[in-house]
PDB file of N, CA and C in Angstrom:
ATOM      1  N   UNK A   1       3.299  10.429 -18.846  1.00  0.00           N
ATOM      2  CA  UNK A   1       2.853   9.191 -18.234  1.00  0.00           C
ATOM      3  C   UNK A   1       1.381   8.969 -18.577  1.00  0.00           C
ATOM      4  N   UNK A   2       1.073   7.753 -18.997  1.00  0.00           N
ATOM      5  CA  UNK A   2      -0.314   7.426 -19.309  1.00  0.00           C
ATOM      6  C   UNK A   2      -1.134   7.410 -18.017  1.00  0.00           C
ATOM      7  N   UNK A   3      -2.409   7.658 -18.157  1.00  0.00           N
ATOM      8  CA  UNK A   3      -3.309   7.661 -16.994  1.00  0.00           C
ATOM      9  C   UNK A   3      -3.286   6.300 -16.291  1.00  0.00           C
ATOM     10  N   UNK A   4      -3.245   5.222 -17.047  1.00  0.00           N
ATOM     11  CA  UNK A   4      -3.231   3.895 -16.423  1.00  0.00           C
ATOM     12  C   UNK A   4      -1.966   3.694 -15.585  1.00  0.00           C
ATOM     13  N   UNK A   5      -0.841   4.210 -16.061  1.00  0.00           N
ATOM     14  CA  UNK A   5       0.403   4.125 -15.287  1.00  0.00           C
ATOM     15  C   UNK A   5       0.307   4.962 -14.020  1.00  0.00           C
ATOM     16  N   UNK A   6      -0.320   6.127 -14.141  1.00  0.00           N
ATOM     17  CA  UNK A   6      -0.494   7.011 -12.992  1.00  0.00           C
ATOM     18  C   UNK A   6      -1.380   6.363 -11.926  1.00  0.00           C
ATOM     19  N   UNK A   7      -2.490   5.755 -12.341  1.00  0.00           N
ATOM     20  CA  UNK A   7      -3.391   5.086 -11.394  1.00  0.00           C
ATOM     21  C   UNK A   7      -2.659   3.936 -10.695  1.00  0.00           C
ATOM     22  N   UNK A   8      -1.900   3.182 -11.458  1.00  0.00           N
ATOM     23  CA  UNK A   8      -1.154   2.057 -10.879  1.00  0.00           C
ATOM     24  C   UNK A   8      -0.122   2.561  -9.886  1.00  0.00           C
ATOM     25  N   UNK A   9       0.599   3.609 -10.239  1.00  0.00           N
ATOM     26  CA  UNK A   9       1.589   4.196  -9.326  1.00  0.00           C
ATOM     27  C   UNK A   9       0.911   4.707  -8.053  1.00  0.00           C
ATOM     28  N   UNK A  10      -0.230   5.381  -8.217  1.00  0.00           N
ATOM     29  CA  UNK A  10      -0.969   5.885  -7.060  1.00  0.00           C
ATOM     30  C   UNK A  10      -1.416   4.736  -6.152  1.00  0.00           C
ATOM     31  N   UNK A  11      -1.839   3.637  -6.768  1.00  0.00           N
ATOM     32  CA  UNK A  11      -2.272   2.477  -5.987  1.00  0.00           C
ATOM     33  C   UNK A  11      -1.115   1.966  -5.132  1.00  0.00           C
ATOM     34  N   UNK A  12       0.063   1.779  -5.736  1.00  0.00           N
ATOM     35  CA  UNK A  12       1.214   1.269  -4.991  1.00  0.00           C
ATOM     36  C   UNK A  12       1.650   2.242  -3.896  1.00  0.00           C
ATOM     37  N   UNK A  13       1.639   3.514  -4.180  1.00  0.00           N
ATOM     38  CA  UNK A  13       2.003   4.522  -3.189  1.00  0.00           C
ATOM     39  C   UNK A  13       1.019   4.498  -2.031  1.00  0.00           C
ATOM     40  N   UNK A  14      -0.272   4.455  -2.358  1.00  0.00           N
ATOM     41  CA  UNK A  14      -1.309   4.411  -1.326  1.00  0.00           C
ATOM     42  C   UNK A  14      -1.157   3.144  -0.484  1.00  0.00           C
ATOM     43  N   UNK A  15      -0.939   2.016  -1.146  1.00  0.00           N
ATOM     44  CA  UNK A  15      -0.820   0.733  -0.465  1.00  0.00           C
ATOM     45  C   UNK A  15       0.319   0.744   0.546  1.00  0.00           C
ATOM     46  N   UNK A  16       1.488   1.225   0.138  1.00  0.00           N
ATOM     47  CA  UNK A  16       2.630   1.282   1.050  1.00  0.00           C
ATOM     48  C   UNK A  16       2.321   2.132   2.280  1.00  0.00           C
ATOM     49  N   UNK A  17       1.742   3.301   2.053  1.00  0.00           N
ATOM     50  CA  UNK A  17       1.410   4.190   3.174  1.00  0.00           C
ATOM     51  C   UNK A  17       0.334   3.578   4.055  1.00  0.00           C
ATOM     52  N   UNK A  18      -0.680   3.011   3.440  1.00  0.00           N
ATOM     53  CA  UNK A  18      -1.788   2.428   4.194  1.00  0.00           C
ATOM     54  C   UNK A  18      -1.314   1.277   5.091  1.00  0.00           C
ATOM     55  N   UNK A  19      -0.482   0.417   4.565  1.00  0.00           N
ATOM     56  CA  UNK A  19       0.027  -0.706   5.364  1.00  0.00           C
ATOM     57  C   UNK A  19       0.857  -0.186   6.530  1.00  0.00           C
ATOM     58  N   UNK A  20       1.680   0.820   6.294  1.00  0.00           N
ATOM     59  CA  UNK A  20       2.454   1.412   7.383  1.00  0.00           C
ATOM     60  C   UNK A  20       1.533   2.058   8.428  1.00  0.00           C
ATOM     61  N   UNK A  21       0.449   2.682   7.973  1.00  0.00           N
ATOM     62  CA  UNK A  21      -0.520   3.288   8.898  1.00  0.00           C
ATOM     63  C   UNK A  21      -1.198   2.226   9.758  1.00  0.00           C
ATOM     64  N   UNK A  22      -1.497   1.073   9.193  1.00  0.00           N
ATOM     65  CA  UNK A  22      -2.100  -0.018   9.970  1.00  0.00           C
ATOM     66  C   UNK A  22      -1.081  -0.546  10.981  1.00  0.00           C
ATOM     67  N   UNK A  23       0.150  -0.764  10.540  1.00  0.00           N
ATOM     68  CA  UNK A  23       1.196  -1.266  11.431  1.00  0.00           C
ATOM     69  C   UNK A  23       1.423  -0.311  12.604  1.00  0.00           C
ATOM     70  N   UNK A  24       1.441   0.981  12.317  1.00  0.00           N
ATOM     71  CA  UNK A  24       1.702   1.961  13.374  1.00  0.00           C
ATOM     72  C   UNK A  24       0.490   2.203  14.265  1.00  0.00           C
ATOM     73  N   UNK A  25      -0.676   1.714  13.841  1.00  0.00           N
ATOM     74  CA  UNK A  25      -1.887   1.914  14.630  1.00  0.00           C
ATOM     75  C   UNK A  25      -2.626   3.197  14.297  1.00  0.00           C
ATOM     76  N   UNK A  26      -2.122   3.956  13.321  1.00  0.00           N
ATOM     77  CA  UNK A  26      -2.771   5.194  12.901  1.00  0.00           C
ATOM     78  C   UNK A  26      -4.150   4.907  12.316  1.00  0.00           C
ATOM     79  N   UNK A  27      -4.257   3.778  11.619  1.00  0.00           N
ATOM     80  CA  UNK A  27      -5.507   3.332  11.008  1.00  0.00           C
ATOM     81  C   UNK A  27      -5.852   1.992  11.652  1.00  0.00           C
ATOM     82  N   UNK A  28      -7.112   1.800  12.086  1.00  0.00           N
ATOM     83  CA  UNK A  28      -7.448   0.581  12.829  1.00  0.00           C
ATOM     84  C   UNK A  28      -7.560  -0.700  11.998  1.00  0.00           C
ATOM     85  N   UNK A  29      -7.908  -0.606  10.723  1.00  0.00           N
ATOM     86  CA  UNK A  29      -8.142  -1.791   9.901  1.00  0.00           C
ATOM     87  C   UNK A  29      -7.666  -1.560   8.478  1.00  0.00           C
ATOM     88  N   UNK A  30      -7.419  -2.675   7.792  1.00  0.00           N
ATOM     89  CA  UNK A  30      -7.111  -2.582   6.372  1.00  0.00           C
ATOM     90  C   UNK A  30      -8.363  -2.214   5.605  1.00  0.00           C
ATOM     91  N   UNK A  31      -8.199  -1.382   4.602  1.00  0.00           N
ATOM     92  CA  UNK A  31      -9.309  -1.017   3.732  1.00  0.00           C
ATOM     93  C   UNK A  31      -9.557  -2.125   2.724  1.00  0.00           C
ATOM     94  N   UNK A  32     -10.806  -2.248   2.306  1.00  0.00           N
ATOM     95  CA  UNK A  32     -11.149  -3.141   1.207  1.00  0.00           C
ATOM     96  C   UNK A  32     -10.697  -2.481  -0.091  1.00  0.00           C
ATOM     97  N   UNK A  33     -10.547  -3.280  -1.128  1.00  0.00           N
ATOM     98  CA  UNK A  33     -10.099  -2.750  -2.414  1.00  0.00           C
ATOM     99  C   UNK A  33     -11.040  -1.667  -2.948  1.00  0.00           C
ATOM    100  N   UNK A  34     -12.340  -1.862  -2.762  1.00  0.00           N
ATOM    101  CA  UNK A  34     -13.292  -0.838  -3.240  1.00  0.00           C
ATOM    102  C   UNK A  34     -13.124   0.474  -2.477  1.00  0.00           C
ATOM    103  N   UNK A  35     -12.727   0.399  -1.202  1.00  0.00           N
ATOM    104  CA  UNK A  35     -12.485   1.618  -0.420  1.00  0.00           C
ATOM    105  C   UNK A  35     -11.210   2.321  -0.894  1.00  0.00           C
ATOM    106  N   UNK A  36     -10.201   1.541  -1.235  1.00  0.00           N
ATOM    107  CA  UNK A  36      -8.972   2.120  -1.773  1.00  0.00           C
ATOM    108  C   UNK A  36      -9.267   2.811  -3.097  1.00  0.00           C
ATOM    109  N   UNK A  37     -10.061   2.145  -3.942  1.00  0.00           N
ATOM    110  CA  UNK A  37     -10.448   2.757  -5.221  1.00  0.00           C
ATOM    111  C   UNK A  37     -11.129   4.102  -4.972  1.00  0.00           C
ATOM    112  N   UNK A  38     -12.021   4.142  -3.993  1.00  0.00           N
ATOM    113  CA  UNK A  38     -12.695   5.395  -3.645  1.00  0.00           C
ATOM    114  C   UNK A  38     -11.708   6.470  -3.221  1.00  0.00           C
ATOM    115  N   UNK A  39     -10.703   6.084  -2.437  1.00  0.00           N
ATOM    116  CA  UNK A  39      -9.665   7.032  -2.008  1.00  0.00           C
ATOM    117  C   UNK A  39      -8.885   7.574  -3.201  1.00  0.00           C
ATOM    118  N   UNK A  40      -8.757   6.759  -4.235  1.00  0.00           N
ATOM    119  CA  UNK A  40      -8.029   7.166  -5.441  1.00  0.00           C
ATOM    120  C   UNK A  40      -8.947   7.809  -6.486  1.00  0.00           C
ATOM    121  N   UNK A  41     -10.230   7.932  -6.140  1.00  0.00           N
ATOM    122  CA  UNK A  41     -11.231   8.572  -7.006  1.00  0.00           C
ATOM    123  C   UNK A  41     -11.434   7.841  -8.337  1.00  0.00           C
ATOM    124  N   UNK A  42     -11.401   6.503  -8.255  1.00  0.00           N
ATOM    125  CA  UNK A  42     -11.732   5.674  -9.418  1.00  0.00           C
ATOM    126  C   UNK A  42     -12.668   4.573  -8.944  1.00  0.00           C
ATOM    127  N   UNK A  43     -13.339   3.933  -9.876  1.00  0.00           N
ATOM    128  CA  UNK A  43     -14.223   2.834  -9.495  1.00  0.00           C
ATOM    129  C   UNK A  43     -13.392   1.592  -9.179  1.00  0.00           C
ATOM    130  N   UNK A  44     -13.993   0.702  -8.431  1.00  0.00           N
ATOM    131  CA  UNK A  44     -13.344  -0.560  -8.085  1.00  0.00           C
ATOM    132  C   UNK A  44     -12.956  -1.318  -9.353  1.00  0.00           C
ATOM    133  N   UNK A  45     -13.867  -1.400 -10.297  1.00  0.00           N
ATOM    134  CA  UNK A  45     -13.620  -2.120 -11.560  1.00  0.00           C
ATOM    135  C   UNK A  45     -12.485  -1.459 -12.343  1.00  0.00           C
ATOM    136  N   UNK A  46     -12.499  -0.136 -12.397  1.00  0.00           N
ATOM    137  CA  UNK A  46     -11.455   0.577 -13.148  1.00  0.00           C
ATOM    138  C   UNK A  46     -10.086   0.346 -12.505  1.00  0.00           C
ATOM    139  N   UNK A  47     -10.022   0.407 -11.182  1.00  0.00           N
ATOM    140  CA  UNK A  47      -8.752   0.164 -10.496  1.00  0.00           C
ATOM    141  C   UNK A  47      -8.264  -1.253 -10.785  1.00  0.00           C
ATOM    142  N   UNK A  48      -9.148  -2.222 -10.632  1.00  0.00           N
ATOM    143  CA  UNK A  48      -8.777  -3.617 -10.869  1.00  0.00           C
ATOM    144  C   UNK A  48      -8.309  -3.827 -12.305  1.00  0.00           C
ATOM    145  N   UNK A  49      -9.093  -3.349 -13.256  1.00  0.00           N
ATOM    146  CA  UNK A  49      -8.742  -3.515 -14.673  1.00  0.00           C
ATOM    147  C   UNK A  49      -7.425  -2.825 -15.014  1.00  0.00           C
ATOM    148  N   UNK A  50      -7.224  -1.631 -14.475  1.00  0.00           N
ATOM    149  CA  UNK A  50      -6.033  -0.850 -14.780  1.00  0.00           C
ATOM    150  C   UNK A  50      -4.771  -1.509 -14.217  1.00  0.00           C
ATOM    151  N   UNK A  51      -4.814  -1.903 -12.950  1.00  0.00           N
ATOM    152  CA  UNK A  51      -3.641  -2.532 -12.344  1.00  0.00           C
ATOM    153  C   UNK A  51      -3.337  -3.856 -13.041  1.00  0.00           C
ATOM    154  N   UNK A  52      -4.384  -4.616 -13.363  1.00  0.00           N
ATOM    155  CA  UNK A  52      -4.187  -5.882 -14.090  1.00  0.00           C
ATOM    156  C   UNK A  52      -3.539  -5.645 -15.456  1.00  0.00           C
ATOM    157  N   UNK A  53      -4.020  -4.626 -16.161  1.00  0.00           N
ATOM    158  CA  UNK A  53      -3.485  -4.311 -17.482  1.00  0.00           C
ATOM    159  C   UNK A  53      -2.018  -3.890 -17.391  1.00  0.00           C
ATOM    160  N   UNK A  54      -1.687  -3.098 -16.403  1.00  0.00           N
ATOM    161  CA  UNK A  54      -0.324  -2.570 -16.272  1.00  0.00           C
ATOM    162  C   UNK A  54       0.669  -3.594 -15.719  1.00  0.00           C
ATOM    163  N   UNK A  55       0.202  -4.505 -14.862  1.00  0.00           N
ATOM    164  CA  UNK A  55       1.129  -5.399 -14.166  1.00  0.00           C
ATOM    165  C   UNK A  55       0.938  -6.881 -14.492  1.00  0.00           C
ATOM    166  N   UNK A  56      -0.241  -7.213 -15.019  1.00  0.00           N
ATOM    167  CA  UNK A  56      -0.549  -8.620 -15.274  1.00  0.00           C
ATOM    168  C   UNK A  56      -1.114  -9.333 -14.059  1.00  0.00           C
ATOM    169  N   UNK A  57      -1.234  -8.636 -12.946  1.00  0.00           N
ATOM    170  CA  UNK A  57      -1.743  -9.239 -11.714  1.00  0.00           C
ATOM    171  C   UNK A  57      -2.890  -8.401 -11.137  1.00  0.00           C
ATOM    172  N   UNK A  58      -3.763  -9.063 -10.376  1.00  0.00           N
ATOM    173  CA  UNK A  58      -4.875  -8.404  -9.683  1.00  0.00           C
ATOM    174  C   UNK A  58      -4.296  -7.542  -8.551  1.00  0.00           C
ATOM    175  N   UNK A  59      -4.921  -6.423  -8.236  1.00  0.00           N
ATOM    176  CA  UNK A  59      -4.422  -5.581  -7.140  1.00  0.00           C
ATOM    177  C   UNK A  59      -4.270  -6.326  -5.814  1.00  0.00           C
ATOM    178  N   UNK A  60      -5.136  -7.294  -5.540  1.00  0.00           N
ATOM    179  CA  UNK A  60      -5.046  -8.053  -4.288  1.00  0.00           C
ATOM    180  C   UNK A  60      -3.745  -8.838  -4.184  1.00  0.00           C
ATOM    181  N   UNK A  61      -3.205  -9.242  -5.311  1.00  0.00           N
ATOM    182  CA  UNK A  61      -1.936  -9.961  -5.332  1.00  0.00           C
ATOM    183  C   UNK A  61      -0.857  -9.106  -4.657  1.00  0.00           C
ATOM    184  N   UNK A  62      -0.833  -7.830  -4.996  1.00  0.00           N
ATOM    185  CA  UNK A  62       0.180  -6.928  -4.444  1.00  0.00           C
ATOM    186  C   UNK A  62      -0.131  -6.563  -2.994  1.00  0.00           C
ATOM    187  N   UNK A  63      -1.413  -6.380  -2.690  1.00  0.00           N
ATOM    188  CA  UNK A  63      -1.861  -6.068  -1.331  1.00  0.00           C
ATOM    189  C   UNK A  63      -1.406  -7.196  -0.391  1.00  0.00           C
ATOM    190  N   UNK A  64      -1.760  -8.428  -0.734  1.00  0.00           N
ATOM    191  CA  UNK A  64      -1.370  -9.570   0.093  1.00  0.00           C
ATOM    192  C   UNK A  64       0.143  -9.712   0.157  1.00  0.00           C
ATOM    193  N   UNK A  65       0.803  -9.509  -0.969  1.00  0.00           N
ATOM    194  CA  UNK A  65       2.257  -9.626  -1.013  1.00  0.00           C
ATOM    195  C   UNK A  65       2.958  -8.648  -0.100  1.00  0.00           C
ATOM    196  N   UNK A  66       2.457  -7.430  -0.054  1.00  0.00           N
ATOM    197  CA  UNK A  66       3.065  -6.410   0.807  1.00  0.00           C
ATOM    198  C   UNK A  66       2.825  -6.726   2.282  1.00  0.00           C
ATOM    199  N   UNK A  67       1.646  -7.265   2.608  1.00  0.00           N
ATOM    200  CA  UNK A  67       1.364  -7.669   3.992  1.00  0.00           C
ATOM    201  C   UNK A  67       2.314  -8.800   4.395  1.00  0.00           C
ATOM    202  N   UNK A  68       2.497  -9.769   3.505  1.00  0.00           N
ATOM    203  CA  UNK A  68       3.406 -10.886   3.793  1.00  0.00           C
ATOM    204  C   UNK A  68       4.843 -10.379   3.952  1.00  0.00           C
ATOM    205  N   UNK A  69       5.256  -9.478   3.086  1.00  0.00           N
ATOM    206  CA  UNK A  69       6.609  -8.916   3.159  1.00  0.00           C
ATOM    207  C   UNK A  69       6.853  -8.255   4.519  1.00  0.00           C
ATOM    208  N   UNK A  70       5.898  -7.446   4.963  1.00  0.00           N
ATOM    209  CA  UNK A  70       6.027  -6.770   6.261  1.00  0.00           C
ATOM    210  C   UNK A  70       5.968  -7.776   7.410  1.00  0.00           C
ATOM    211  N   UNK A  71       5.110  -8.786   7.279  1.00  0.00           N
ATOM    212  CA  UNK A  71       4.998  -9.826   8.308  1.00  0.00           C
ATOM    213  C   UNK A  71       6.310 -10.582   8.452  1.00  0.00           C
ATOM    214  N   UNK A  72       6.913 -10.953   7.324  1.00  0.00           N
ATOM    215  CA  UNK A  72       8.190 -11.664   7.346  1.00  0.00           C
ATOM    216  C   UNK A  72       9.248 -10.831   8.065  1.00  0.00           C
ATOM    217  N   UNK A  73       9.279  -9.545   7.756  1.00  0.00           N
ATOM    218  CA  UNK A  73      10.244  -8.656   8.388  1.00  0.00           C
ATOM    219  C   UNK A  73      10.057  -8.653   9.906  1.00  0.00           C
ATOM    220  N   UNK A  74       8.810  -8.545  10.351  1.00  0.00           N
ATOM    221  CA  UNK A  74       8.541  -8.542  11.790  1.00  0.00           C
ATOM    222  C   UNK A  74       8.894  -9.878  12.438  1.00  0.00           C
ATOM    223  N   UNK A  75       8.588 -10.968  11.744  1.00  0.00           N
ATOM    224  CA  UNK A  75       8.894 -12.291  12.308  1.00  0.00           C
ATOM    225  C   UNK A  75      10.391 -12.477  12.515  1.00  0.00           C
ATOM    226  N   UNK A  76      11.179 -11.972  11.593  1.00  0.00           N
ATOM    227  CA  UNK A  76      12.629 -12.159  11.660  1.00  0.00           C
ATOM    228  C   UNK A  76      13.300 -11.103  12.532  1.00  0.00           C
ATOM    229  N   UNK A  77      12.801  -9.874  12.494  1.00  0.00           N
ATOM    230  CA  UNK A  77      13.511  -8.761  13.130  1.00  0.00           C
ATOM    231  C   UNK A  77      12.870  -8.215  14.398  1.00  0.00           C
ATOM    232  N   UNK A  78      11.882  -8.924  14.941  1.00  0.00           N
ATOM    233  CA  UNK A  78      11.310  -8.485  16.213  1.00  0.00           C
ATOM    234  C   UNK A  78      11.112  -9.691  17.119  1.00  0.00           C
ATOM    235  N   UNK A  79      10.889  -9.403  18.378  1.00  0.00           N
ATOM    236  CA  UNK A  79      10.625 -10.475  19.341  1.00  0.00           C
ATOM    237  C   UNK A  79       9.132 -10.618  19.601  1.00  0.00           C
ATOM    238  N   UNK A  80       8.319  -9.934  18.818  1.00  0.00           N
ATOM    239  CA  UNK A  80       6.871 -10.032  18.986  1.00  0.00           C
ATOM    240  C   UNK A  80       6.415 -11.458  18.690  1.00  0.00           C
ATOM    241  N   UNK A  81       5.419 -11.914  19.447  1.00  0.00           N
ATOM    242  CA  UNK A  81       4.874 -13.248  19.193  1.00  0.00           C
ATOM    243  C   UNK A  81       4.104 -13.237  17.877  1.00  0.00           C
ATOM    244  N   UNK A  82       3.853 -14.413  17.346  1.00  0.00           N
ATOM    245  CA  UNK A  82       3.061 -14.526  16.121  1.00  0.00           C
ATOM    246  C   UNK A  82       1.677 -13.922  16.354  1.00  0.00           C
ATOM    247  N   UNK A  83       1.104 -14.156  17.524  1.00  0.00           N
ATOM    248  CA  UNK A  83      -0.218 -13.598  17.838  1.00  0.00           C
ATOM    249  C   UNK A  83      -0.186 -12.070  17.844  1.00  0.00           C
ATOM    250  N   UNK A  84       0.872 -11.479  18.415  1.00  0.00           N
ATOM    251  CA  UNK A  84       0.997 -10.013  18.415  1.00  0.00           C
ATOM    252  C   UNK A  84       1.106  -9.478  16.990  1.00  0.00           C
ATOM    253  N   UNK A  85       1.898 -10.145  16.178  1.00  0.00           N
ATOM    254  CA  UNK A  85       2.067  -9.717  14.787  1.00  0.00           C
ATOM    255  C   UNK A  85       0.737  -9.847  14.051  1.00  0.00           C
ATOM    256  N   UNK A  86       0.035 -10.946  14.278  1.00  0.00           N
ATOM    257  CA  UNK A  86      -1.278 -11.137  13.652  1.00  0.00           C
ATOM    258  C   UNK A  86      -2.208  -9.976  14.007  1.00  0.00           C
ATOM    259  N   UNK A  87      -2.219  -9.595  15.270  1.00  0.00           N
ATOM    260  CA  UNK A  87      -3.109  -8.499  15.706  1.00  0.00           C
ATOM    261  C   UNK A  87      -2.686  -7.158  15.098  1.00  0.00           C
ATOM    262  N   UNK A  88      -1.392  -6.932  14.969  1.00  0.00           N
ATOM    263  CA  UNK A  88      -0.916  -5.704  14.325  1.00  0.00           C
ATOM    264  C   UNK A  88      -1.478  -5.619  12.910  1.00  0.00           C
ATOM    265  N   UNK A  89      -1.537  -6.764  12.234  1.00  0.00           N
ATOM    266  CA  UNK A  89      -2.051  -6.806  10.870  1.00  0.00           C
ATOM    267  C   UNK A  89      -3.564  -7.048  10.834  1.00  0.00           C
ATOM    268  N   UNK A  90      -4.206  -6.858  11.973  1.00  0.00           N
ATOM    269  CA  UNK A  90      -5.673  -6.936  12.149  1.00  0.00           C
ATOM    270  C   UNK A  90      -6.242  -8.315  11.825  1.00  0.00           C
ATOM    271  N   UNK A  91      -5.465  -9.351  12.053  1.00  0.00           N
ATOM    272  CA  UNK A  91      -5.915 -10.725  11.844  1.00  0.00           C
ATOM    273  C   UNK A  91      -6.137 -11.420  13.182  1.00  0.00           C
ATOM    274  N   UNK A  92      -7.061 -12.348  13.196  1.00  0.00           N
ATOM    275  CA  UNK A  92      -7.142 -13.326  14.264  1.00  0.00           C
ATOM    276  C   UNK A  92      -5.894 -14.217  14.081  1.00  0.00           C
ATOM    277  N   UNK A  93      -5.204 -14.591  15.171  1.00  0.00           N
ATOM    278  CA  UNK A  93      -3.964 -15.356  15.009  1.00  0.00           C
ATOM    279  C   UNK A  93      -4.090 -16.627  14.160  1.00  0.00           C
ATOM    280  N   UNK A  94      -5.169 -17.390  14.305  1.00  0.00           N
ATOM    281  CA  UNK A  94      -5.270 -18.624  13.507  1.00  0.00           C
ATOM    282  C   UNK A  94      -5.498 -18.300  12.031  1.00  0.00           C
ATOM    283  N   UNK A  95      -6.271 -17.259  11.749  1.00  0.00           N
ATOM    284  CA  UNK A  95      -6.475 -16.864  10.350  1.00  0.00           C
ATOM    285  C   UNK A  95      -5.189 -16.322   9.739  1.00  0.00           C
ATOM    286  N   UNK A  96      -4.417 -15.601  10.540  1.00  0.00           N
ATOM    287  CA  UNK A  96      -3.139 -15.085  10.063  1.00  0.00           C
ATOM    288  C   UNK A  96      -2.210 -16.234   9.691  1.00  0.00           C
ATOM    289  N   UNK A  97      -2.153 -17.245  10.547  1.00  0.00           N
ATOM    290  CA  UNK A  97      -1.286 -18.388  10.273  1.00  0.00           C
ATOM    291  C   UNK A  97      -1.695 -19.099   8.993  1.00  0.00           C
ATOM    292  N   UNK A  98      -2.995 -19.267   8.776  1.00  0.00           N
ATOM    293  CA  UNK A  98      -3.485 -19.901   7.545  1.00  0.00           C
ATOM    294  C   UNK A  98      -3.126 -19.055   6.322  1.00  0.00           C
ATOM    295  N   UNK A  99      -3.362 -17.739   6.419  1.00  0.00           N
ATOM    296  CA  UNK A  99      -3.034 -16.814   5.327  1.00  0.00           C
ATOM    297  C   UNK A  99      -1.534 -16.868   5.024  1.00  0.00           C
ATOM    298  N   UNK A 100      -0.718 -16.805   6.065  1.00  0.00           N
ATOM    299  CA  UNK A 100       0.731 -16.803   5.893  1.00  0.00           C
ATOM    300  C   UNK A 100       1.189 -18.097   5.232  1.00  0.00           C
ATOM    301  N   UNK A 101       0.669 -19.234   5.706  1.00  0.00           N
ATOM    302  CA  UNK A 101       1.073 -20.528   5.139  1.00  0.00           C
ATOM    303  C   UNK A 101       0.620 -20.648   3.683  1.00  0.00           C
ATOM    304  N   UNK A 102      -0.585 -20.174   3.386  1.00  0.00           N
ATOM    305  CA  UNK A 102      -1.087 -20.223   2.007  1.00  0.00           C
ATOM    306  C   UNK A 102      -0.177 -19.411   1.079  1.00  0.00           C
ATOM    307  N   UNK A 103       0.308 -18.279   1.565  1.00  0.00           N
ATOM    308  CA  UNK A 103       1.115 -17.390   0.737  1.00  0.00           C
ATOM    309  C   UNK A 103       2.583 -17.805   0.653  1.00  0.00           C
ATOM    310  N   UNK A 104       3.096 -18.454   1.702  1.00  0.00           N
ATOM    311  CA  UNK A 104       4.534 -18.735   1.746  1.00  0.00           C
ATOM    312  C   UNK A 104       4.892 -20.218   1.754  1.00  0.00           C
ATOM    313  N   UNK A 105       3.939 -21.059   2.127  1.00  0.00           N
ATOM    314  CA  UNK A 105       4.233 -22.480   2.280  1.00  0.00           C
ATOM    315  C   UNK A 105       4.748 -22.847   3.658  1.00  0.00           C
ATOM    316  N   UNK A 106       4.892 -21.855   4.529  1.00  0.00           N
ATOM    317  CA  UNK A 106       5.382 -22.063   5.889  1.00  0.00           C
ATOM    318  C   UNK A 106       4.414 -21.441   6.881  1.00  0.00           C
ATOM    319  N   UNK A 107       4.348 -21.997   8.094  1.00  0.00           N
ATOM    320  CA  UNK A 107       3.630 -21.293   9.154  1.00  0.00           C
ATOM    321  C   UNK A 107       4.524 -20.128   9.591  1.00  0.00           C
ATOM    322  N   UNK A 108       3.965 -19.133  10.254  1.00  0.00           N
ATOM    323  CA  UNK A 108       4.815 -18.031  10.738  1.00  0.00           C
ATOM    324  C   UNK A 108       5.952 -18.529  11.640  1.00  0.00           C
ATOM    325  N   UNK A 109       5.655 -19.505  12.509  1.00  0.00           N
ATOM    326  CA  UNK A 109       6.689 -20.041  13.400  1.00  0.00           C
ATOM    327  C   UNK A 109       7.796 -20.739  12.631  1.00  0.00           C
ATOM    328  N   UNK A 110       7.431 -21.524  11.630  1.00  0.00           N
ATOM    329  CA  UNK A 110       8.433 -22.203  10.797  1.00  0.00           C
ATOM    330  C   UNK A 110       9.301 -21.181  10.068  1.00  0.00           C
ATOM    331  N   UNK A 111       8.646 -20.148   9.536  1.00  0.00           N
ATOM    332  CA  UNK A 111       9.396 -19.109   8.819  1.00  0.00           C
ATOM    333  C   UNK A 111      10.379 -18.422   9.766  1.00  0.00           C
ATOM    334  N   UNK A 112       9.902 -18.060  10.957  1.00  0.00           N
ATOM    335  CA  UNK A 112      10.766 -17.385  11.932  1.00  0.00           C
ATOM    336  C   UNK A 112      11.958 -18.267  12.294  1.00  0.00           C
ATOM    337  N   UNK A 113      11.693 -19.518  12.609  1.00  0.00           N
ATOM    338  CA  UNK A 113      12.772 -20.422  13.029  1.00  0.00           C
ATOM    339  C   UNK A 113      13.800 -20.656  11.944  1.00  0.00           C
ATOM    340  N   UNK A 114      13.373 -20.708  10.703  1.00  0.00           N
ATOM    341  CA  UNK A 114      14.322 -20.976   9.618  1.00  0.00           C
ATOM    342  C   UNK A 114      15.054 -19.715   9.144  1.00  0.00           C
ATOM    343  N   UNK A 115      14.628 -18.551   9.630  1.00  0.00           N
ATOM    344  CA  UNK A 115      15.266 -17.298   9.176  1.00  0.00           C
ATOM    345  C   UNK A 115      15.932 -16.508  10.295  1.00  0.00           C
ATOM    346  N   UNK A 116      15.886 -17.018  11.506  1.00  0.00           N
ATOM    347  CA  UNK A 116      16.577 -16.343  12.607  1.00  0.00           C
ATOM    348  C   UNK A 116      18.068 -16.521  12.440  1.00  0.00           C
ATOM    349  N   UNK A 117      18.804 -15.477  12.782  1.00  0.00           N
ATOM    350  CA  UNK A 117      20.273 -15.549  12.671  1.00  0.00           C
ATOM    351  C   UNK A 117      20.857 -16.303  13.842  1.00  0.00           C
TER     352      UNK A 117
END
């Protein structure tokens, strides 16, 4: 495995664990990309360049995507309010709604209502 593939794999593995740690409350806040790079023992620029080269996308694209994926799951499969979900993901509820709508085209409430069984 090339080093660039290894760094990219490590980033995705770290990201999945980190998001779960935030959701569970083990970690109080999301790390910035430069902090994640530090955890992986590479520079911020090297991490960004490497993930972009391997995937064609900026690391933040995947970070945001994974947060949205987990948020969607909670909206559909839990009875937690949008505000509770926002706080779990360390967002102010209004900022969470804006972020969610920007990423999905729907407000969290619209998404929940259209995906409830």
